[in-house]
Amino acid sequence: MTEKTNDPSLASALADSVKAIDADYTEEMRELRALFEEARLEAEKDEPSDVKLKALLNDANEMARTFATLDPAWQAVQRVARMFGIL
């Protein structure tokens, strides 16, 4: 059986992603940030779970794709709301 060890480059990349989200986004990215933070904590463990990391990163990937798909629609809703003085 091969010994699993933590991957400092993965943990570093995840920490950078969390910092970028904190700097550029707020409420709308809190769930994605939470996934990255959980994945970072798992990656920093002495023996991280490959299954858990893959699941967390897959969830983050799907969430990011959803945000990217819905962003134009959300921007349109905001424009209409501004036209009516809601925002």
N, C-alpha and C. Protein backbone atom coordinates (compact mmCIF):
# COMPACT_ATOMS: atom_id res chain seq x y z
N MET A 1 0.85 -1.17 0.00
CA MET A 1 0.00 0.00 0.00
C MET A 1 0.90 1.24 0.00
N THR A 2 0.56 2.19 -0.83
CA THR A 2 1.37 3.40 -0.88
C THR A 2 0.96 4.35 0.22
N GLU A 3 1.95 5.07 0.73
CA GLU A 3 1.69 6.02 1.81
C GLU A 3 1.27 7.35 1.21
N LYS A 4 0.18 7.89 1.70
CA LYS A 4 -0.29 9.19 1.23
C LYS A 4 0.31 10.28 2.11
N THR A 5 0.77 11.34 1.48
CA THR A 5 1.26 12.48 2.24
C THR A 5 0.56 13.73 1.72
N ASN A 6 0.62 14.77 2.53
CA ASN A 6 -0.07 15.99 2.10
C ASN A 6 0.67 16.64 0.94
N ASP A 7 -0.05 17.45 0.20
CA ASP A 7 0.49 18.13 -0.98
C ASP A 7 0.52 19.62 -0.67
N PRO A 8 1.71 20.15 -0.31
CA PRO A 8 1.76 21.56 0.05
C PRO A 8 1.39 22.50 -1.10
N SER A 9 1.65 22.09 -2.33
CA SER A 9 1.29 22.97 -3.46
C SER A 9 -0.22 23.05 -3.63
N LEU A 10 -0.94 21.97 -3.38
CA LEU A 10 -2.40 21.98 -3.44
C LEU A 10 -2.94 22.86 -2.32
N ALA A 11 -2.44 22.67 -1.13
CA ALA A 11 -2.90 23.48 0.01
C ALA A 11 -2.63 24.95 -0.24
N SER A 12 -1.48 25.26 -0.81
CA SER A 12 -1.13 26.66 -1.11
C SER A 12 -2.06 27.24 -2.17
N ALA A 13 -2.34 26.48 -3.22
CA ALA A 13 -3.24 26.95 -4.28
C ALA A 13 -4.64 27.18 -3.73
N LEU A 14 -5.10 26.30 -2.86
CA LEU A 14 -6.42 26.47 -2.26
C LEU A 14 -6.45 27.69 -1.34
N ALA A 15 -5.38 27.91 -0.58
CA ALA A 15 -5.30 29.10 0.28
C ALA A 15 -5.32 30.36 -0.56
N ASP A 16 -4.61 30.35 -1.70
CA ASP A 16 -4.63 31.51 -2.61
C ASP A 16 -6.03 31.76 -3.16
N SER A 17 -6.76 30.68 -3.47
CA SER A 17 -8.13 30.82 -3.97
C SER A 17 -9.04 31.44 -2.92
N VAL A 18 -8.88 31.01 -1.68
CA VAL A 18 -9.68 31.56 -0.58
C VAL A 18 -9.38 33.06 -0.43
N LYS A 19 -8.09 33.42 -0.48
CA LYS A 19 -7.71 34.84 -0.37
C LYS A 19 -8.29 35.66 -1.52
N ALA A 20 -8.27 35.12 -2.73
CA ALA A 20 -8.80 35.83 -3.89
C ALA A 20 -10.31 36.05 -3.74
N ILE A 21 -11.00 35.04 -3.27
CA ILE A 21 -12.45 35.17 -3.06
C ILE A 21 -12.72 36.22 -1.99
N ASP A 22 -11.94 36.20 -0.91
CA ASP A 22 -12.11 37.19 0.15
C ASP A 22 -11.88 38.61 -0.36
N ALA A 23 -10.91 38.76 -1.27
CA ALA A 23 -10.56 40.09 -1.78
C ALA A 23 -11.58 40.62 -2.80
N ASP A 24 -12.14 39.74 -3.61
CA ASP A 24 -12.95 40.19 -4.74
C ASP A 24 -14.45 39.95 -4.60
N TYR A 25 -14.85 39.05 -3.74
CA TYR A 25 -16.25 38.68 -3.66
C TYR A 25 -16.70 38.68 -2.20
N THR A 26 -17.97 38.66 -2.01
CA THR A 26 -18.49 38.61 -0.64
C THR A 26 -19.51 37.49 -0.53
N GLU A 27 -20.74 37.86 -0.35
CA GLU A 27 -21.81 36.91 -0.06
C GLU A 27 -22.00 35.85 -1.13
N GLU A 28 -21.94 36.24 -2.40
CA GLU A 28 -22.28 35.29 -3.47
C GLU A 28 -21.30 34.12 -3.58
N MET A 29 -20.11 34.27 -3.04
CA MET A 29 -19.12 33.20 -3.16
C MET A 29 -18.84 32.47 -1.85
N ARG A 30 -19.66 32.68 -0.83
CA ARG A 30 -19.35 32.10 0.47
C ARG A 30 -19.35 30.57 0.45
N GLU A 31 -20.23 29.97 -0.34
CA GLU A 31 -20.27 28.51 -0.39
C GLU A 31 -19.06 27.94 -1.11
N LEU A 32 -18.65 28.59 -2.19
CA LEU A 32 -17.46 28.15 -2.90
C LEU A 32 -16.23 28.33 -2.01
N ARG A 33 -16.17 29.44 -1.29
CA ARG A 33 -15.06 29.67 -0.38
C ARG A 33 -15.00 28.58 0.69
N ALA A 34 -16.16 28.20 1.21
CA ALA A 34 -16.22 27.16 2.25
C ALA A 34 -15.70 25.83 1.70
N LEU A 35 -16.04 25.51 0.45
CA LEU A 35 -15.52 24.27 -0.15
C LEU A 35 -14.01 24.33 -0.29
N PHE A 36 -13.48 25.46 -0.78
CA PHE A 36 -12.03 25.60 -0.90
C PHE A 36 -11.34 25.51 0.46
N GLU A 37 -11.94 26.13 1.46
CA GLU A 37 -11.34 26.11 2.79
C GLU A 37 -11.33 24.68 3.35
N GLU A 38 -12.41 23.96 3.17
CA GLU A 38 -12.47 22.57 3.64
C GLU A 38 -11.46 21.70 2.89
N ALA A 39 -11.34 21.92 1.59
CA ALA A 39 -10.35 21.17 0.80
C ALA A 39 -8.93 21.51 1.23
N ARG A 40 -8.68 22.79 1.53
CA ARG A 40 -7.35 23.20 1.98
C ARG A 40 -6.99 22.51 3.29
N LEU A 41 -7.94 22.50 4.22
CA LEU A 41 -7.70 21.85 5.51
C LEU A 41 -7.42 20.35 5.33
N GLU A 42 -8.16 19.72 4.43
CA GLU A 42 -7.94 18.30 4.15
C GLU A 42 -6.56 18.09 3.52
N ALA A 43 -6.19 18.94 2.57
CA ALA A 43 -4.89 18.81 1.88
C ALA A 43 -3.72 19.01 2.83
N GLU A 44 -3.91 19.79 3.88
CA GLU A 44 -2.83 20.04 4.83
C GLU A 44 -2.63 18.92 5.84
N LYS A 45 -3.55 17.98 5.91
CA LYS A 45 -3.42 16.86 6.84
C LYS A 45 -2.22 16.00 6.46
N ASP A 46 -1.66 15.31 7.45
CA ASP A 46 -0.53 14.42 7.19
C ASP A 46 -0.91 13.31 6.21
N GLU A 47 -2.12 12.82 6.33
CA GLU A 47 -2.62 11.79 5.43
C GLU A 47 -4.00 12.20 4.90
N PRO A 48 -4.03 13.10 3.91
CA PRO A 48 -5.32 13.56 3.40
C PRO A 48 -6.07 12.45 2.66
N SER A 49 -7.37 12.54 2.69
CA SER A 49 -8.22 11.57 2.00
C SER A 49 -8.37 11.99 0.54
N ASP A 50 -7.86 11.16 -0.36
CA ASP A 50 -7.99 11.46 -1.79
C ASP A 50 -9.46 11.52 -2.20
N VAL A 51 -10.26 10.64 -1.65
CA VAL A 51 -11.69 10.59 -1.99
C VAL A 51 -12.38 11.89 -1.57
N LYS A 52 -12.09 12.34 -0.36
CA LYS A 52 -12.72 13.57 0.13
C LYS A 52 -12.26 14.77 -0.68
N LEU A 53 -10.95 14.84 -0.98
CA LEU A 53 -10.43 15.96 -1.77
C LEU A 53 -11.06 15.99 -3.17
N LYS A 54 -11.13 14.83 -3.80
CA LYS A 54 -11.73 14.78 -5.14
C LYS A 54 -13.19 15.21 -5.09
N ALA A 55 -13.91 14.78 -4.08
CA ALA A 55 -15.33 15.14 -3.96
C ALA A 55 -15.49 16.64 -3.74
N LEU A 56 -14.67 17.21 -2.84
CA LEU A 56 -14.76 18.64 -2.57
C LEU A 56 -14.41 19.47 -3.81
N LEU A 57 -13.34 19.08 -4.50
CA LEU A 57 -12.92 19.83 -5.67
C LEU A 57 -13.90 19.66 -6.83
N ASN A 58 -14.52 18.49 -6.93
CA ASN A 58 -15.55 18.29 -7.96
C ASN A 58 -16.76 19.18 -7.67
N ASP A 59 -17.16 19.24 -6.40
CA ASP A 59 -18.27 20.12 -6.02
C ASP A 59 -17.94 21.59 -6.32
N ALA A 60 -16.70 21.99 -6.02
CA ALA A 60 -16.27 23.37 -6.30
C ALA A 60 -16.28 23.64 -7.79
N ASN A 61 -15.86 22.67 -8.58
CA ASN A 61 -15.86 22.82 -10.04
C ASN A 61 -17.29 23.03 -10.55
N GLU A 62 -18.21 22.20 -10.10
CA GLU A 62 -19.60 22.33 -10.53
C GLU A 62 -20.20 23.66 -10.09
N MET A 63 -19.86 24.10 -8.88
CA MET A 63 -20.38 25.36 -8.38
C MET A 63 -19.83 26.53 -9.21
N ALA A 64 -18.55 26.49 -9.53
CA ALA A 64 -17.95 27.56 -10.34
C ALA A 64 -18.57 27.59 -11.74
N ARG A 65 -18.83 26.43 -12.30
CA ARG A 65 -19.48 26.37 -13.61
C ARG A 65 -20.88 26.97 -13.55
N THR A 66 -21.59 26.69 -12.47
CA THR A 66 -22.93 27.23 -12.31
C THR A 66 -22.88 28.75 -12.20
N PHE A 67 -21.95 29.26 -11.39
CA PHE A 67 -21.80 30.71 -11.26
C PHE A 67 -21.51 31.34 -12.61
N ALA A 68 -20.61 30.72 -13.37
CA ALA A 68 -20.23 31.27 -14.67
C ALA A 68 -21.42 31.28 -15.63
N THR A 69 -22.24 30.25 -15.55
CA THR A 69 -23.40 30.16 -16.42
C THR A 69 -24.47 31.17 -16.04
N LEU A 70 -24.68 31.36 -14.75
CA LEU A 70 -25.75 32.22 -14.28
C LEU A 70 -25.38 33.69 -14.19
N ASP A 71 -24.09 34.01 -14.23
CA ASP A 71 -23.66 35.39 -14.06
C ASP A 71 -24.30 36.35 -15.06
N PRO A 72 -24.34 36.02 -16.36
CA PRO A 72 -24.99 36.95 -17.30
C PRO A 72 -26.47 37.18 -16.96
N ALA A 73 -27.16 36.15 -16.54
CA ALA A 73 -28.57 36.30 -16.18
C ALA A 73 -28.71 37.19 -14.94
N TRP A 74 -27.84 37.00 -13.96
CA TRP A 74 -27.87 37.81 -12.76
C TRP A 74 -27.60 39.28 -13.08
N GLN A 75 -26.66 39.53 -13.96
CA GLN A 75 -26.36 40.91 -14.36
C GLN A 75 -27.58 41.54 -15.04
N ALA A 76 -28.28 40.77 -15.85
CA ALA A 76 -29.49 41.28 -16.51
C ALA A 76 -30.56 41.63 -15.48
N VAL A 77 -30.75 40.77 -14.50
CA VAL A 77 -31.72 41.04 -13.43
C VAL A 77 -31.35 42.32 -12.69
N GLN A 78 -30.06 42.50 -12.41
CA GLN A 78 -29.63 43.71 -11.72
C GLN A 78 -29.88 44.96 -12.56
N ARG A 79 -29.65 44.89 -13.87
CA ARG A 79 -29.90 46.04 -14.75
C ARG A 79 -31.38 46.43 -14.74
N VAL A 80 -32.24 45.43 -14.83
CA VAL A 80 -33.68 45.70 -14.80
C VAL A 80 -34.09 46.28 -13.45
N ALA A 81 -33.56 45.74 -12.38
CA ALA A 81 -33.88 46.25 -11.05
C ALA A 81 -33.43 47.70 -10.90
N ARG A 82 -32.27 48.05 -11.44
CA ARG A 82 -31.80 49.44 -11.39
C ARG A 82 -32.72 50.35 -12.21
N MET A 83 -33.21 49.85 -13.35
CA MET A 83 -34.13 50.65 -14.18
C MET A 83 -35.39 51.01 -13.40
N PHE A 84 -35.85 50.11 -12.55
CA PHE A 84 -37.06 50.33 -11.78
C PHE A 84 -36.76 50.94 -10.40
N GLY A 85 -35.48 51.26 -10.16
CA GLY A 85 -35.10 51.89 -8.89
C GLY A 85 -35.10 50.96 -7.71
N ILE A 86 -35.04 49.66 -7.95
CA ILE A 86 -35.02 48.69 -6.86
C ILE A 86 -33.63 48.60 -6.25
N LEU A 87 -32.62 48.73 -7.07
CA LEU A 87 -31.24 48.67 -6.57
C LEU A 87 -30.61 50.03 -6.56
